[in-house]
Amino acid sequence: MRIELVTTLKRQATKILAELHDSKEPVLITEHGCPSAYLIDVQDYEMMQDRMRILEGVARGEAAIIDNRTYTQSEAKEKMSKWLK
């Protein structure tokens, strides 16, 4: 992962973005020696968002199992029958 100062980003944004698109390597932006933000490729960001949505769904399913909020197949069919007609 590349690390760049925020002042470098201000001066060379076009160059840094071009290199980011070519390499797909995230860029850590620092301010006063501390991490401040990450620059990542749009496709990588969207892929991460998709993964997060999937993991959140899995977590909701696990919570439902733990809380005993699940149905058997026949119970689910019965509850969904009005929509399945």
PDB file of N, CA and C in Angstrom:
ATOM      1  N   MET A   1       0.836  -1.166   0.000  1.00  0.00           N
ATOM      2  CA  MET A   1       0.000   0.000   0.000  1.00  0.00           C
ATOM      3  C   MET A   1       0.890   1.241   0.000  1.00  0.00           C
ATOM      4  N   ARG A   2       0.499   2.167  -0.862  1.00  0.00           N
ATOM      5  CA  ARG A   2       1.233   3.436  -0.923  1.00  0.00           C
ATOM      6  C   ARG A   2       0.750   4.359   0.181  1.00  0.00           C
ATOM      7  N   ILE A   3       1.652   5.200   0.626  1.00  0.00           N
ATOM      8  CA  ILE A   3       1.328   6.231   1.616  1.00  0.00           C
ATOM      9  C   ILE A   3       1.723   7.571   1.026  1.00  0.00           C
ATOM     10  N   GLU A   4       0.798   8.516   1.081  1.00  0.00           N
ATOM     11  CA  GLU A   4       1.057   9.854   0.552  1.00  0.00           C
ATOM     12  C   GLU A   4       0.598  10.894   1.559  1.00  0.00           C
ATOM     13  N   LEU A   5       1.306  12.000   1.596  1.00  0.00           N
ATOM     14  CA  LEU A   5       0.902  13.134   2.413  1.00  0.00           C
ATOM     15  C   LEU A   5      -0.277  13.831   1.754  1.00  0.00           C
ATOM     16  N   VAL A   6      -1.129  14.441   2.563  1.00  0.00           N
ATOM     17  CA  VAL A   6      -2.258  15.169   2.004  1.00  0.00           C
ATOM     18  C   VAL A   6      -1.776  16.315   1.114  1.00  0.00           C
ATOM     19  N   THR A   7      -0.642  16.919   1.437  1.00  0.00           N
ATOM     20  CA  THR A   7      -0.119  18.002   0.595  1.00  0.00           C
ATOM     21  C   THR A   7       0.313  17.469  -0.770  1.00  0.00           C
ATOM     22  N   THR A   8       0.852  16.248  -0.795  1.00  0.00           N
ATOM     23  CA  THR A   8       1.218  15.630  -2.072  1.00  0.00           C
ATOM     24  C   THR A   8      -0.036  15.359  -2.893  1.00  0.00           C
ATOM     25  N   LEU A   9      -1.082  14.906  -2.233  1.00  0.00           N
ATOM     26  CA  LEU A   9      -2.348  14.673  -2.928  1.00  0.00           C
ATOM     27  C   LEU A   9      -2.872  15.978  -3.533  1.00  0.00           C
ATOM     28  N   LYS A  10      -2.781  17.049  -2.782  1.00  0.00           N
ATOM     29  CA  LYS A  10      -3.250  18.346  -3.289  1.00  0.00           C
ATOM     30  C   LYS A  10      -2.480  18.763  -4.536  1.00  0.00           C
ATOM     31  N   ARG A  11      -1.181  18.537  -4.526  1.00  0.00           N
ATOM     32  CA  ARG A  11      -0.327  18.980  -5.642  1.00  0.00           C
ATOM     33  C   ARG A  11      -0.356  18.033  -6.832  1.00  0.00           C
ATOM     34  N   GLN A  12      -0.528  16.737  -6.572  1.00  0.00           N
ATOM     35  CA  GLN A  12      -0.382  15.752  -7.639  1.00  0.00           C
ATOM     36  C   GLN A  12      -1.588  14.818  -7.729  1.00  0.00           C
ATOM     37  N   ALA A  13      -2.776  15.346  -7.519  1.00  0.00           N
ATOM     38  CA  ALA A  13      -3.982  14.507  -7.490  1.00  0.00           C
ATOM     39  C   ALA A  13      -4.159  13.720  -8.785  1.00  0.00           C
ATOM     40  N   THR A  14      -3.999  14.380  -9.922  1.00  0.00           N
ATOM     41  CA  THR A  14      -4.199  13.700 -11.200  1.00  0.00           C
ATOM     42  C   THR A  14      -3.226  12.535 -11.355  1.00  0.00           C
ATOM     43  N   LYS A  15      -1.971  12.759 -11.011  1.00  0.00           N
ATOM     44  CA  LYS A  15      -0.951  11.706 -11.123  1.00  0.00           C
ATOM     45  C   LYS A  15      -1.254  10.555 -10.166  1.00  0.00           C
ATOM     46  N   ILE A  16      -1.596  10.872  -8.929  1.00  0.00           N
ATOM     47  CA  ILE A  16      -1.883   9.834  -7.936  1.00  0.00           C
ATOM     48  C   ILE A  16      -3.097   9.016  -8.353  1.00  0.00           C
ATOM     49  N   LEU A  17      -4.125   9.676  -8.859  1.00  0.00           N
ATOM     50  CA  LEU A  17      -5.318   8.955  -9.319  1.00  0.00           C
ATOM     51  C   LEU A  17      -5.007   8.070 -10.522  1.00  0.00           C
ATOM     52  N   ALA A  18      -4.200   8.555 -11.445  1.00  0.00           N
ATOM     53  CA  ALA A  18      -3.824   7.749 -12.609  1.00  0.00           C
ATOM     54  C   ALA A  18      -3.074   6.492 -12.168  1.00  0.00           C
ATOM     55  N   GLU A  19      -2.151   6.641 -11.224  1.00  0.00           N
ATOM     56  CA  GLU A  19      -1.398   5.493 -10.718  1.00  0.00           C
ATOM     57  C   GLU A  19      -2.315   4.522  -9.962  1.00  0.00           C
ATOM     58  N   LEU A  20      -3.292   5.081  -9.241  1.00  0.00           N
ATOM     59  CA  LEU A  20      -4.253   4.248  -8.523  1.00  0.00           C
ATOM     60  C   LEU A  20      -5.061   3.399  -9.498  1.00  0.00           C
ATOM     61  N   HIS A  21      -5.518   4.006 -10.578  1.00  0.00           N
ATOM     62  CA  HIS A  21      -6.296   3.259 -11.570  1.00  0.00           C
ATOM     63  C   HIS A  21      -5.454   2.191 -12.256  1.00  0.00           C
ATOM     64  N   ASP A  22      -4.180   2.466 -12.477  1.00  0.00           N
ATOM     65  CA  ASP A  22      -3.306   1.482 -13.120  1.00  0.00           C
ATOM     66  C   ASP A  22      -2.960   0.323 -12.193  1.00  0.00           C
ATOM     67  N   SER A  23      -2.578   0.658 -10.969  1.00  0.00           N
ATOM     68  CA  SER A  23      -2.081  -0.371 -10.049  1.00  0.00           C
ATOM     69  C   SER A  23      -3.175  -1.025  -9.207  1.00  0.00           C
ATOM     70  N   LYS A  24      -4.304  -0.353  -9.027  1.00  0.00           N
ATOM     71  CA  LYS A  24      -5.396  -0.817  -8.153  1.00  0.00           C
ATOM     72  C   LYS A  24      -4.956  -0.924  -6.698  1.00  0.00           C
ATOM     73  N   GLU A  25      -3.805  -0.342  -6.382  1.00  0.00           N
ATOM     74  CA  GLU A  25      -3.278  -0.384  -5.023  1.00  0.00           C
ATOM     75  C   GLU A  25      -3.829   0.799  -4.228  1.00  0.00           C
ATOM     76  N   PRO A  26      -4.478   0.554  -3.075  1.00  0.00           N
ATOM     77  CA  PRO A  26      -5.008   1.657  -2.271  1.00  0.00           C
ATOM     78  C   PRO A  26      -3.897   2.615  -1.839  1.00  0.00           C
ATOM     79  N   VAL A  27      -4.286   3.861  -1.624  1.00  0.00           N
ATOM     80  CA  VAL A  27      -3.339   4.892  -1.188  1.00  0.00           C
ATOM     81  C   VAL A  27      -3.814   5.408   0.159  1.00  0.00           C
ATOM     82  N   LEU A  28      -2.945   5.334   1.152  1.00  0.00           N
ATOM     83  CA  LEU A  28      -3.245   5.876   2.468  1.00  0.00           C
ATOM     84  C   LEU A  28      -2.793   7.331   2.498  1.00  0.00           C
ATOM     85  N   ILE A  29      -3.723   8.220   2.811  1.00  0.00           N
ATOM     86  CA  ILE A  29      -3.409   9.650   2.894  1.00  0.00           C
ATOM     87  C   ILE A  29      -3.195   9.996   4.359  1.00  0.00           C
ATOM     88  N   THR A  30      -2.084  10.674   4.636  1.00  0.00           N
ATOM     89  CA  THR A  30      -1.777  11.059   6.012  1.00  0.00           C
ATOM     90  C   THR A  30      -1.800  12.574   6.174  1.00  0.00           C
ATOM     91  N   GLU A  31      -2.197  12.997   7.352  1.00  0.00           N
ATOM     92  CA  GLU A  31      -2.143  14.406   7.740  1.00  0.00           C
ATOM     93  C   GLU A  31      -1.378  14.486   9.051  1.00  0.00           C
ATOM     94  N   HIS A  32      -0.373  15.325   9.088  1.00  0.00           N
ATOM     95  CA  HIS A  32       0.445  15.512  10.302  1.00  0.00           C
ATOM     96  C   HIS A  32       0.972  14.173  10.816  1.00  0.00           C
ATOM     97  N   GLY A  33       1.314  13.276   9.904  1.00  0.00           N
ATOM     98  CA  GLY A  33       1.887  11.983  10.267  1.00  0.00           C
ATOM     99  C   GLY A  33       0.893  10.930  10.700  1.00  0.00           C
ATOM    100  N   CYS A  34      -0.401  11.247  10.667  1.00  0.00           N
ATOM    101  CA  CYS A  34      -1.428  10.294  11.093  1.00  0.00           C
ATOM    102  C   CYS A  34      -2.303   9.889   9.915  1.00  0.00           C
ATOM    103  N   PRO A  35      -2.740   8.635   9.876  1.00  0.00           N
ATOM    104  CA  PRO A  35      -3.645   8.208   8.802  1.00  0.00           C
ATOM    105  C   PRO A  35      -4.909   9.053   8.795  1.00  0.00           C
ATOM    106  N   SER A  36      -5.342   9.446   7.608  1.00  0.00           N
ATOM    107  CA  SER A  36      -6.510  10.310   7.493  1.00  0.00           C
ATOM    108  C   SER A  36      -7.589   9.710   6.596  1.00  0.00           C
ATOM    109  N   ALA A  37      -7.193   9.093   5.478  1.00  0.00           N
ATOM    110  CA  ALA A  37      -8.170   8.538   4.541  1.00  0.00           C
ATOM    111  C   ALA A  37      -7.487   7.550   3.613  1.00  0.00           C
ATOM    112  N   TYR A  38      -8.306   6.732   2.980  1.00  0.00           N
ATOM    113  CA  TYR A  38      -7.822   5.826   1.943  1.00  0.00           C
ATOM    114  C   TYR A  38      -8.412   6.245   0.611  1.00  0.00           C
ATOM    115  N   LEU A  39      -7.611   6.171  -0.424  1.00  0.00           N
ATOM    116  CA  LEU A  39      -8.090   6.308  -1.789  1.00  0.00           C
ATOM    117  C   LEU A  39      -8.100   4.908  -2.374  1.00  0.00           C
ATOM    118  N   ILE A  40      -9.266   4.498  -2.874  1.00  0.00           N
ATOM    119  CA  ILE A  40      -9.350   3.185  -3.502  1.00  0.00           C
ATOM    120  C   ILE A  40     -10.105   3.319  -4.817  1.00  0.00           C
ATOM    121  N   ASP A  41      -9.866   2.380  -5.695  1.00  0.00           N
ATOM    122  CA  ASP A  41     -10.509   2.341  -6.992  1.00  0.00           C
ATOM    123  C   ASP A  41     -12.017   2.153  -6.809  1.00  0.00           C
ATOM    124  N   VAL A  42     -12.814   2.764  -7.673  1.00  0.00           N
ATOM    125  CA  VAL A  42     -14.272   2.702  -7.580  1.00  0.00           C
ATOM    126  C   VAL A  42     -14.761   1.259  -7.627  1.00  0.00           C
ATOM    127  N   GLN A  43     -14.239   0.449  -8.532  1.00  0.00           N
ATOM    128  CA  GLN A  43     -14.677  -0.945  -8.625  1.00  0.00           C
ATOM    129  C   GLN A  43     -14.367  -1.713  -7.348  1.00  0.00           C
ATOM    130  N   ASP A  44     -13.203  -1.460  -6.766  1.00  0.00           N
ATOM    131  CA  ASP A  44     -12.850  -2.119  -5.507  1.00  0.00           C
ATOM    132  C   ASP A  44     -13.804  -1.697  -4.394  1.00  0.00           C
ATOM    133  N   TYR A  45     -14.135  -0.424  -4.336  1.00  0.00           N
ATOM    134  CA  TYR A  45     -15.063   0.081  -3.330  1.00  0.00           C
ATOM    135  C   TYR A  45     -16.430  -0.581  -3.483  1.00  0.00           C
ATOM    136  N   GLU A  46     -16.943  -0.630  -4.710  1.00  0.00           N
ATOM    137  CA  GLU A  46     -18.252  -1.233  -4.950  1.00  0.00           C
ATOM    138  C   GLU A  46     -18.257  -2.714  -4.601  1.00  0.00           C
ATOM    139  N   MET A  47     -17.169  -3.415  -4.907  1.00  0.00           N
ATOM    140  CA  MET A  47     -17.055  -4.826  -4.554  1.00  0.00           C
ATOM    141  C   MET A  47     -17.069  -4.998  -3.026  1.00  0.00           C
ATOM    142  N   MET A  48     -16.374  -4.117  -2.311  1.00  0.00           N
ATOM    143  CA  MET A  48     -16.364  -4.185  -0.849  1.00  0.00           C
ATOM    144  C   MET A  48     -17.766  -3.934  -0.287  1.00  0.00           C
ATOM    145  N   GLN A  49     -18.494  -2.998  -0.876  1.00  0.00           N
ATOM    146  CA  GLN A  49     -19.854  -2.725  -0.434  1.00  0.00           C
ATOM    147  C   GLN A  49     -20.759  -3.944  -0.659  1.00  0.00           C
ATOM    148  N   ASP A  50     -20.608  -4.597  -1.801  1.00  0.00           N
ATOM    149  CA  ASP A  50     -21.382  -5.813  -2.074  1.00  0.00           C
ATOM    150  C   ASP A  50     -21.074  -6.891  -1.046  1.00  0.00           C
ATOM    151  N   ARG A  51     -19.812  -7.067  -0.741  1.00  0.00           N
ATOM    152  CA  ARG A  51     -19.415  -8.066   0.255  1.00  0.00           C
ATOM    153  C   ARG A  51     -19.998  -7.738   1.623  1.00  0.00           C
ATOM    154  N   MET A  52     -19.989  -6.464   1.983  1.00  0.00           N
ATOM    155  CA  MET A  52     -20.543  -6.051   3.275  1.00  0.00           C
ATOM    156  C   MET A  52     -22.040  -6.368   3.348  1.00  0.00           C
ATOM    157  N   ARG A  53     -22.776  -6.112   2.263  1.00  0.00           N
ATOM    158  CA  ARG A  53     -24.210  -6.421   2.252  1.00  0.00           C
ATOM    159  C   ARG A  53     -24.441  -7.932   2.445  1.00  0.00           C
ATOM    160  N   ILE A  54     -23.629  -8.745   1.792  1.00  0.00           N
ATOM    161  CA  ILE A  54     -23.754 -10.199   1.938  1.00  0.00           C
ATOM    162  C   ILE A  54     -23.458 -10.617   3.376  1.00  0.00           C
ATOM    163  N   LEU A  55     -22.381 -10.087   3.950  1.00  0.00           N
ATOM    164  CA  LEU A  55     -22.016 -10.443   5.326  1.00  0.00           C
ATOM    165  C   LEU A  55     -23.063  -9.974   6.328  1.00  0.00           C
ATOM    166  N   GLU A  56     -23.675  -8.804   6.075  1.00  0.00           N
ATOM    167  CA  GLU A  56     -24.739  -8.330   6.959  1.00  0.00           C
ATOM    168  C   GLU A  56     -25.945  -9.257   6.895  1.00  0.00           C
ATOM    169  N   GLY A  57     -26.264  -9.774   5.704  1.00  0.00           N
ATOM    170  CA  GLY A  57     -27.356 -10.732   5.568  1.00  0.00           C
ATOM    171  C   GLY A  57     -27.064 -12.019   6.319  1.00  0.00           C
ATOM    172  N   VAL A  58     -25.837 -12.490   6.217  1.00  0.00           N
ATOM    173  CA  VAL A  58     -25.434 -13.704   6.944  1.00  0.00           C
ATOM    174  C   VAL A  58     -25.554 -13.461   8.451  1.00  0.00           C
ATOM    175  N   ALA A  59     -25.121 -12.301   8.910  1.00  0.00           N
ATOM    176  CA  ALA A  59     -25.200 -11.978  10.340  1.00  0.00           C
ATOM    177  C   ALA A  59     -26.656 -11.917  10.814  1.00  0.00           C
ATOM    178  N   ARG A  60     -27.550 -11.350   9.987  1.00  0.00           N
ATOM    179  CA  ARG A  60     -28.970 -11.320  10.354  1.00  0.00           C
ATOM    180  C   ARG A  60     -29.529 -12.743  10.435  1.00  0.00           C
ATOM    181  N   GLY A  61     -29.114 -13.594   9.494  1.00  0.00           N
ATOM    182  CA  GLY A  61     -29.556 -14.992   9.522  1.00  0.00           C
ATOM    183  C   GLY A  61     -29.063 -15.719  10.759  1.00  0.00           C
ATOM    184  N   GLU A  62     -27.818 -15.511  11.114  1.00  0.00           N
ATOM    185  CA  GLU A  62     -27.274 -16.146  12.318  1.00  0.00           C
ATOM    186  C   GLU A  62     -28.011 -15.666  13.563  1.00  0.00           C
ATOM    187  N   ALA A  63     -28.308 -14.356  13.613  1.00  0.00           N
ATOM    188  CA  ALA A  63     -29.041 -13.814  14.760  1.00  0.00           C
ATOM    189  C   ALA A  63     -30.435 -14.419  14.835  1.00  0.00           C
ATOM    190  N   ALA A  64     -31.078 -14.624  13.683  1.00  0.00           N
ATOM    191  CA  ALA A  64     -32.407 -15.233  13.664  1.00  0.00           C
ATOM    192  C   ALA A  64     -32.354 -16.664  14.195  1.00  0.00           C
ATOM    193  N   ILE A  65     -31.324 -17.389  13.824  1.00  0.00           N
ATOM    194  CA  ILE A  65     -31.167 -18.769  14.316  1.00  0.00           C
ATOM    195  C   ILE A  65     -30.973 -18.765  15.829  1.00  0.00           C
ATOM    196  N   ILE A  66     -30.115 -17.888  16.322  1.00  0.00           N
ATOM    197  CA  ILE A  66     -29.842 -17.811  17.763  1.00  0.00           C
ATOM    198  C   ILE A  66     -31.107 -17.439  18.528  1.00  0.00           C
ATOM    199  N   ASP A  67     -31.905 -16.510  17.969  1.00  0.00           N
ATOM    200  CA  ASP A  67     -33.137 -16.043  18.621  1.00  0.00           C
ATOM    201  C   ASP A  67     -34.329 -16.955  18.340  1.00  0.00           C
ATOM    202  N   ASN A  68     -34.078 -18.078  17.659  1.00  0.00           N
ATOM    203  CA  ASN A  68     -35.118 -19.044  17.314  1.00  0.00           C
ATOM    204  C   ASN A  68     -36.240 -18.399  16.491  1.00  0.00           C
ATOM    205  N   ARG A  69     -35.864 -17.530  15.551  1.00  0.00           N
ATOM    206  CA  ARG A  69     -36.830 -16.890  14.662  1.00  0.00           C
ATOM    207  C   ARG A  69     -36.740 -17.518  13.278  1.00  0.00           C
ATOM    208  N   THR A  70     -36.826 -18.824  13.239  1.00  0.00           N
ATOM    209  CA  THR A  70     -36.743 -19.547  11.968  1.00  0.00           C
ATOM    210  C   THR A  70     -37.986 -20.412  11.799  1.00  0.00           C
ATOM    211  N   TYR A  71     -38.239 -20.840  10.565  1.00  0.00           N
ATOM    212  CA  TYR A  71     -39.385 -21.671  10.247  1.00  0.00           C
ATOM    213  C   TYR A  71     -38.916 -22.908   9.500  1.00  0.00           C
ATOM    214  N   THR A  72     -39.687 -23.976   9.647  1.00  0.00           N
ATOM    215  CA  THR A  72     -39.448 -25.143   8.812  1.00  0.00           C
ATOM    216  C   THR A  72     -39.945 -24.804   7.411  1.00  0.00           C
ATOM    217  N   GLN A  73     -39.630 -25.661   6.444  1.00  0.00           N
ATOM    218  CA  GLN A  73     -40.077 -25.407   5.079  1.00  0.00           C
ATOM    219  C   GLN A  73     -41.602 -25.371   5.005  1.00  0.00           C
ATOM    220  N   SER A  74     -42.256 -26.287   5.674  1.00  0.00           N
ATOM    221  CA  SER A  74     -43.723 -26.312   5.621  1.00  0.00           C
ATOM    222  C   SER A  74     -44.324 -25.093   6.307  1.00  0.00           C
ATOM    223  N   GLU A  75     -43.732 -24.644   7.424  1.00  0.00           N
ATOM    224  CA  GLU A  75     -44.216 -23.428   8.089  1.00  0.00           C
ATOM    225  C   GLU A  75     -44.025 -22.206   7.193  1.00  0.00           C
ATOM    226  N   ALA A  76     -42.897 -22.143   6.521  1.00  0.00           N
ATOM    227  CA  ALA A  76     -42.630 -21.014   5.628  1.00  0.00           C
ATOM    228  C   ALA A  76     -43.607 -21.020   4.456  1.00  0.00           C
ATOM    229  N   LYS A  77     -43.871 -22.198   3.883  1.00  0.00           N
ATOM    230  CA  LYS A  77     -44.827 -22.303   2.774  1.00  0.00           C
ATOM    231  C   LYS A  77     -46.207 -21.833   3.211  1.00  0.00           C
ATOM    232  N   GLU A  78     -46.601 -22.244   4.385  1.00  0.00           N
ATOM    233  CA  GLU A  78     -47.917 -21.850   4.902  1.00  0.00           C
ATOM    234  C   GLU A  78     -48.003 -20.336   5.082  1.00  0.00           C
ATOM    235  N   LYS A  79     -46.974 -19.739   5.652  1.00  0.00           N
ATOM    236  CA  LYS A  79     -46.965 -18.291   5.863  1.00  0.00           C
ATOM    237  C   LYS A  79     -46.900 -17.520   4.567  1.00  0.00           C
ATOM    238  N   MET A  80     -46.251 -18.092   3.561  1.00  0.00           N
ATOM    239  CA  MET A  80     -46.076 -17.401   2.284  1.00  0.00           C
ATOM    240  C   MET A  80     -47.161 -17.764   1.261  1.00  0.00           C
ATOM    241  N   SER A  81     -48.085 -18.643   1.638  1.00  0.00           N
ATOM    242  CA  SER A  81     -49.064 -19.158   0.676  1.00  0.00           C
ATOM    243  C   SER A  81     -49.868 -18.061  -0.006  1.00  0.00           C
ATOM    244  N   LYS A  82     -50.206 -17.007   0.735  1.00  0.00           N
ATOM    245  CA  LYS A  82     -51.001 -15.943   0.108  1.00  0.00           C
ATOM    246  C   LYS A  82     -50.215 -15.198  -0.965  1.00  0.00           C
ATOM    247  N   TRP A  83     -48.895 -15.203  -0.893  1.00  0.00           N
ATOM    248  CA  TRP A  83     -48.077 -14.546  -1.919  1.00  0.00           C
ATOM    249  C   TRP A  83     -47.670 -15.504  -3.043  1.00  0.00           C
ATOM    250  N   LEU A  84     -47.752 -16.793  -2.772  1.00  0.00           N
ATOM    251  CA  LEU A  84     -47.294 -17.783  -3.744  1.00  0.00           C
ATOM    252  C   LEU A  84     -48.398 -18.252  -4.699  1.00  0.00           C
ATOM    253  N   LYS A  85     -49.597 -17.742  -4.516  1.00  0.00           N
ATOM    254  CA  LYS A  85     -50.715 -18.169  -5.387  1.00  0.00           C
ATOM    255  C   LYS A  85     -50.609 -17.588  -6.765  1.00  0.00           C
TER     256      LYS A  85
END
